[in-house]
Amino acid sequence: MSENKPLEREFAYTSVHFNTARTTLYRLAGIKLADSKDAMVYSRLVRRIRTLKLAGFSAYFEYLLSHENEHQEFINALTTNQTAFFREPHHFEVLKQYLIDNPDTRRIWCAASSTGEEPYSIAIAVAEHFNSFKTPIEIIASDIDSGVLKKAEMGIYPLDRIDTVSDIRKKRFFHRGRGSQLGNVRVVPELKQMLKFTRINLLDSFWPLKTPIDVIFCRNVMIYFDKETQEVILKHMMNSLCEDGLYIAGHSENFNMFPQIITAVGQTTYRPVKGLMSAKT
């Protein structure tokens, strides 16, 4: 983007506006936006400007400063939520093996649940392991974006979202919509009851979670944070895991730069370094 030169758009938009959005998102959520995201910021925030009937980006940032309730709308607008059922399927086989090897597992946390495909996939794997929806395991599904959490709690998806799900799983874990819901599917109520949805900002010093946690799914999230923020969050997560707990990362993430905190045990799977203090509450 050329310095301070407004683009020919509905609202004047300059590098100053982009950088204001970028620094505000980092302050509120710890997420760093690349220089290439300037067009995305415009297209996402212009919807808020229209909704609030404001004069433009400068007016919006003034509004954001004086209306704390807009902070969540701002975060929701600029966070990306790409997900799918059983994305990176080997992770769910790793989870099942962990449950076999650790029969006392009691708590799994999906730290970036987005619209719910990932935590429902976790719940399906757990239900299959126990051959029952009634299990001793608590599954917590969190996200910073309150909007996607509402969608996740509904558990309703377009039919094509489960194209890659096996027929056996489709029959057991989903109901086809009828009438006004034709073309959609809904997760079965028993599966939904296995999950507890809650909003968590990973930057917060306190997370409303019982610890220790046995398994944390935090996939393709850390790539949005700088190294210093990654270290803070990873340390907090490793201290929340039990000593033999499992951390499952995304295919694009690597934590070799934090050998004092986390150690690899498989393909994008990690454990806390021995000696880290585990939080137990």
Protein backbone atom coordinates (compact mmCIF):
# COMPACT_ATOMS: atom_id res chain seq x y z
CA MET A 1 0.00 0.00 0.00
CA SER A 2 1.41 3.42 -0.91
CA GLU A 3 2.06 5.62 2.07
CA ASN A 4 -1.02 7.59 3.18
CA LYS A 5 -2.55 7.54 -0.32
CA PRO A 6 -6.28 6.79 -0.22
CA LEU A 7 -7.41 3.97 -2.47
CA GLU A 8 -10.40 4.40 -4.77
CA ARG A 9 -12.91 2.67 -2.53
CA GLU A 10 -16.16 3.44 -0.80
CA PHE A 11 -14.24 4.81 2.20
CA ALA A 12 -10.81 6.44 2.27
CA TYR A 13 -8.28 3.85 3.43
CA THR A 14 -4.58 4.51 3.95
CA SER A 15 -1.55 2.78 5.45
CA VAL A 16 -2.25 4.73 8.64
CA HIS A 17 -5.65 3.05 8.93
CA PHE A 18 -4.15 -0.36 8.19
CA ASN A 19 -1.40 0.05 10.77
CA THR A 20 -3.93 1.28 13.36
CA ALA A 21 -5.97 -1.87 12.80
CA ARG A 22 -2.85 -4.01 12.97
CA THR A 23 -1.53 -2.54 16.22
CA THR A 24 -4.99 -2.62 17.81
CA LEU A 25 -5.47 -6.31 16.95
CA TYR A 26 -2.04 -7.09 18.39
CA ARG A 27 -2.88 -5.22 21.59
CA LEU A 28 -6.26 -6.89 22.04
CA ALA A 29 -5.51 -10.41 20.84
CA GLY A 30 -1.75 -10.78 20.34
CA ILE A 31 -2.26 -11.54 16.65
CA LYS A 32 0.18 -10.09 14.14
CA LEU A 33 -1.12 -9.29 10.66
CA ALA A 34 1.25 -9.47 7.71
CA ASP A 35 1.70 -6.54 5.34
CA SER A 36 -0.22 -8.51 2.72
CA LYS A 37 -3.43 -8.40 4.79
CA ASP A 38 -4.29 -4.75 4.06
CA ALA A 39 -7.07 -5.62 1.59
CA MET A 40 -8.54 -8.14 4.01
CA VAL A 41 -8.64 -5.54 6.79
CA TYR A 42 -10.52 -3.14 4.52
CA SER A 43 -13.10 -5.70 3.41
CA ARG A 44 -13.72 -6.98 6.96
CA LEU A 45 -13.88 -3.62 8.78
CA VAL A 46 -15.93 -1.84 6.14
CA ARG A 47 -18.85 -4.07 7.17
CA ARG A 48 -18.62 -2.73 10.73
CA ILE A 49 -18.43 0.86 9.42
CA ARG A 50 -21.62 0.33 7.40
CA THR A 51 -23.39 -1.42 10.28
CA LEU A 52 -22.55 1.39 12.70
CA LYS A 53 -23.31 4.05 10.05
CA LEU A 54 -19.96 5.78 10.60
CA ALA A 55 -18.23 8.22 8.26
CA GLY A 56 -15.13 6.09 7.64
CA PHE A 57 -12.11 4.36 9.14
CA SER A 58 -10.94 7.26 11.29
CA ALA A 59 -14.41 7.54 12.80
CA TYR A 60 -14.46 3.80 13.36
CA PHE A 61 -11.18 3.78 15.29
CA GLU A 62 -12.43 6.67 17.44
CA TYR A 63 -15.58 4.65 18.10
CA LEU A 64 -13.49 1.59 18.95
CA LEU A 65 -11.52 3.58 21.54
CA SER A 66 -14.63 4.76 23.34
CA HIS A 67 -16.82 1.64 23.07
CA GLU A 68 -15.28 -1.39 24.75
CA ASN A 69 -18.14 -3.60 23.59
CA GLU A 70 -16.92 -3.08 20.02
CA HIS A 71 -13.60 -4.78 20.85
CA GLN A 72 -15.09 -8.24 20.41
CA GLU A 73 -16.74 -7.29 17.10
CA PHE A 74 -13.37 -5.95 15.91
CA ILE A 75 -11.58 -9.18 16.87
CA ASN A 76 -14.31 -11.30 15.30
CA ALA A 77 -14.04 -9.35 12.06
CA LEU A 78 -10.29 -9.79 11.69
CA THR A 79 -9.71 -13.35 12.87
CA THR A 80 -9.63 -16.11 10.26
CA ASN A 81 -11.55 -19.32 10.87
CA GLN A 82 -10.54 -22.10 8.49
CA THR A 83 -11.47 -25.58 9.66
CA ALA A 84 -12.94 -28.92 8.62
CA PHE A 85 -14.10 -32.18 10.13
CA PHE A 86 -11.15 -34.50 10.79
CA ARG A 87 -8.65 -32.09 9.32
CA GLU A 88 -5.15 -33.64 9.62
CA PRO A 89 -6.75 -37.04 10.38
CA HIS A 90 -3.63 -38.65 11.86
CA HIS A 91 -4.10 -36.45 14.95
CA PHE A 92 -7.32 -38.24 15.81
CA GLU A 93 -5.59 -41.61 15.59
CA VAL A 94 -2.92 -40.22 17.91
CA LEU A 95 -5.69 -39.12 20.29
CA LYS A 96 -7.26 -42.59 20.29
CA GLN A 97 -3.90 -44.20 21.03
CA TYR A 98 -3.34 -41.72 23.85
CA LEU A 99 -6.70 -42.73 25.36
CA ILE A 100 -5.67 -46.39 25.19
CA ASP A 101 -2.30 -45.69 26.82
CA ASN A 102 -3.75 -43.29 29.40
CA PRO A 103 -7.08 -44.70 30.66
CA ASP A 104 -7.26 -42.05 33.39
CA THR A 105 -7.60 -39.23 30.83
CA ARG A 106 -10.22 -36.77 32.06
CA ARG A 107 -9.85 -33.48 30.20
CA ILE A 108 -9.27 -32.40 26.56
CA TRP A 109 -9.10 -28.78 25.46
CA CYS A 110 -9.60 -27.58 21.88
CA ALA A 111 -8.10 -24.09 22.14
CA ALA A 112 -9.22 -22.76 18.74
CA SER A 113 -12.55 -24.40 18.03
CA SER A 114 -13.68 -21.98 15.30
CA THR A 115 -17.13 -23.04 14.01
CA GLY A 116 -16.93 -26.38 15.80
CA GLU A 117 -15.72 -28.93 13.25
CA GLU A 118 -12.55 -29.65 15.22
CA PRO A 119 -14.04 -30.13 18.71
CA TYR A 120 -16.89 -32.23 17.28
CA SER A 121 -14.25 -34.38 15.53
CA ILE A 122 -12.51 -34.78 18.90
CA ALA A 123 -15.82 -35.75 20.53
CA ILE A 124 -16.48 -38.32 17.78
CA ALA A 125 -13.04 -39.88 18.34
CA VAL A 126 -13.68 -40.03 22.09
CA ALA A 127 -17.17 -41.52 21.62
CA GLU A 128 -15.75 -44.14 19.28
CA HIS A 129 -13.04 -45.04 21.80
CA PHE A 130 -15.60 -45.62 24.57
CA ASN A 131 -18.27 -46.89 22.14
CA SER A 132 -20.59 -44.52 23.99
CA PHE A 133 -21.57 -40.87 24.25
CA LYS A 134 -21.33 -41.23 28.03
CA THR A 135 -17.64 -40.86 28.82
CA PRO A 136 -15.57 -39.68 31.80
CA ILE A 137 -13.85 -37.06 29.66
CA GLU A 138 -14.62 -33.35 29.70
CA ILE A 139 -14.04 -31.67 26.31
CA ILE A 140 -13.64 -27.88 26.40
CA ALA A 141 -13.98 -25.99 23.12
CA SER A 142 -12.82 -22.37 23.16
CA ASP A 143 -12.12 -19.56 20.74
CA ILE A 144 -11.46 -15.83 20.94
CA ASP A 145 -14.22 -15.20 18.38
CA SER A 146 -17.63 -15.19 20.07
CA GLY A 147 -19.39 -15.27 16.72
CA VAL A 148 -17.94 -18.60 15.59
CA LEU A 149 -18.56 -20.07 19.05
CA LYS A 150 -22.28 -19.38 18.63
CA LYS A 151 -22.21 -21.23 15.31
CA ALA A 152 -20.29 -24.10 16.91
CA GLU A 153 -22.83 -24.42 19.70
CA MET A 154 -25.63 -24.70 17.13
CA GLY A 155 -23.86 -27.62 15.47
CA ILE A 156 -25.57 -27.04 12.09
CA TYR A 157 -23.53 -27.30 8.87
CA PRO A 158 -24.09 -27.36 5.11
CA LEU A 159 -24.31 -30.93 3.88
CA ASP A 160 -21.09 -30.65 1.88
CA ARG A 161 -19.11 -29.94 5.08
CA ILE A 162 -19.28 -33.66 5.88
CA ASP A 163 -18.37 -34.92 2.39
CA THR A 164 -15.08 -36.30 3.72
CA VAL A 165 -16.70 -37.95 6.77
CA SER A 166 -17.21 -41.72 6.46
CA ASP A 167 -20.73 -43.04 5.88
CA ILE A 168 -20.65 -44.85 9.23
CA ARG A 169 -19.87 -41.61 11.05
CA LYS A 170 -22.48 -39.69 9.06
CA LYS A 171 -25.18 -42.14 10.17
CA ARG A 172 -24.10 -42.22 13.81
CA PHE A 173 -23.20 -38.61 14.49
CA PHE A 174 -25.30 -36.42 12.16
CA HIS A 175 -28.97 -35.86 11.34
CA ARG A 176 -30.00 -34.58 7.91
CA GLY A 177 -32.08 -31.43 7.95
CA ARG A 178 -35.66 -31.29 6.73
CA GLY A 179 -37.98 -28.48 5.71
CA SER A 180 -36.22 -25.14 6.30
CA GLN A 181 -33.01 -27.04 7.17
CA LEU A 182 -32.97 -29.06 3.94
CA GLY A 183 -29.38 -29.16 2.67
CA ASN A 184 -27.95 -28.94 6.17
CA VAL A 185 -26.90 -31.46 8.78
CA ARG A 186 -26.98 -31.19 12.58
CA VAL A 187 -24.72 -33.03 15.00
CA VAL A 188 -26.70 -35.42 17.16
CA PRO A 189 -27.67 -33.99 20.59
CA GLU A 190 -25.65 -36.64 22.42
CA LEU A 191 -22.46 -35.45 20.69
CA LYS A 192 -23.20 -31.81 21.43
CA GLN A 193 -23.64 -32.65 25.11
CA MET A 194 -20.07 -33.93 25.24
CA LEU A 195 -18.72 -30.41 24.65
CA LYS A 196 -18.49 -27.31 26.78
CA PHE A 197 -18.07 -24.10 24.73
CA THR A 198 -16.44 -21.03 26.26
CA ARG A 199 -14.67 -17.90 25.03
CA ILE A 200 -10.97 -17.73 25.93
CA ASN A 201 -8.37 -15.19 24.84
CA LEU A 202 -5.04 -17.03 24.91
CA LEU A 203 -3.33 -13.76 25.88
CA ASP A 204 -5.21 -13.61 29.18
CA SER A 205 -3.13 -14.47 32.25
CA PHE A 206 -6.04 -16.51 33.64
CA TRP A 207 -7.93 -19.16 31.69
CA PRO A 208 -11.25 -20.41 33.14
CA LEU A 209 -10.20 -24.05 32.93
CA LYS A 210 -9.76 -26.85 35.42
CA THR A 211 -6.26 -28.29 35.36
CA PRO A 212 -4.34 -30.44 34.77
CA ILE A 213 -5.42 -30.95 31.18
CA ASP A 214 -4.52 -34.23 29.49
CA VAL A 215 -4.64 -33.20 25.81
CA ILE A 216 -4.55 -29.79 24.15
CA PHE A 217 -5.45 -29.31 20.49
CA CYS A 218 -4.05 -25.95 19.38
CA ARG A 219 -3.59 -26.32 15.64
CA ASN A 220 -2.48 -23.60 13.23
CA VAL A 221 -2.95 -20.90 15.85
CA MET A 222 0.58 -20.05 16.97
CA ILE A 223 1.51 -18.99 13.43
CA TYR A 224 -0.48 -15.79 14.05
CA PHE A 225 1.65 -14.79 17.06
CA ASP A 226 5.19 -13.45 17.21
CA LYS A 227 7.91 -15.50 18.92
CA GLU A 228 7.64 -13.70 22.26
CA THR A 229 3.86 -14.25 22.42
CA GLN A 230 4.25 -17.87 21.34
CA GLU A 231 6.64 -18.47 24.22
CA VAL A 232 4.27 -16.94 26.79
CA ILE A 233 1.28 -18.94 25.57
CA LEU A 234 3.21 -22.20 25.19
CA LYS A 235 4.60 -21.92 28.71
CA HIS A 236 1.10 -21.30 30.07
CA MET A 237 -0.23 -24.31 28.14
CA MET A 238 2.59 -26.63 29.15
CA ASN A 239 2.08 -25.66 32.79
CA SER A 240 -1.61 -26.51 32.34
CA LEU A 241 -0.90 -29.98 30.97
CA CYS A 242 -0.34 -33.03 33.14
CA GLU A 243 3.23 -34.33 33.13
CA ASP A 244 2.51 -36.88 30.39
CA GLY A 245 0.02 -34.65 28.62
CA LEU A 246 -0.15 -34.25 24.87
CA TYR A 247 -0.05 -31.02 22.83
CA ILE A 248 -1.25 -31.34 19.24
CA ALA A 249 -0.12 -28.60 16.83
CA GLY A 250 -0.86 -27.81 13.20
CA HIS A 251 1.10 -28.99 10.17
CA SER A 252 2.55 -25.51 9.60
CA GLU A 253 3.90 -25.11 13.15
CA ASN A 254 7.28 -25.99 14.62
CA PHE A 255 8.49 -25.31 18.16
CA ASN A 256 12.15 -26.32 17.97
CA MET A 257 13.04 -22.83 19.17
CA PHE A 258 11.51 -23.60 22.60
CA PRO A 259 13.42 -26.71 23.79
CA GLN A 260 13.17 -25.53 27.40
CA ILE A 261 9.36 -25.68 27.26
CA ILE A 262 8.19 -28.32 24.81
CA THR A 263 9.54 -31.49 23.21
CA ALA A 264 8.40 -33.29 20.06
CA VAL A 265 7.12 -36.86 20.43
CA GLY A 266 5.73 -37.40 16.94
CA GLN A 267 4.44 -35.66 13.82
CA THR A 268 3.28 -32.22 15.12
CA THR A 269 2.69 -33.75 18.56
CA TYR A 270 4.48 -32.53 21.67
CA ARG A 271 4.82 -33.00 25.42
CA PRO A 272 5.91 -30.62 28.20
CA VAL A 273 9.60 -30.72 29.05
CA LYS A 274 10.12 -32.76 32.20
CA GLY A 275 10.51 -30.53 35.23
CA LEU A 276 8.00 -27.86 34.20
CA MET A 277 5.61 -27.18 37.06
CA SER A 278 2.16 -28.59 36.28
CA ALA A 279 -0.78 -26.54 37.53
CA LYS A 280 -3.26 -28.61 39.50
CA THR A 281 -6.46 -26.98 40.70
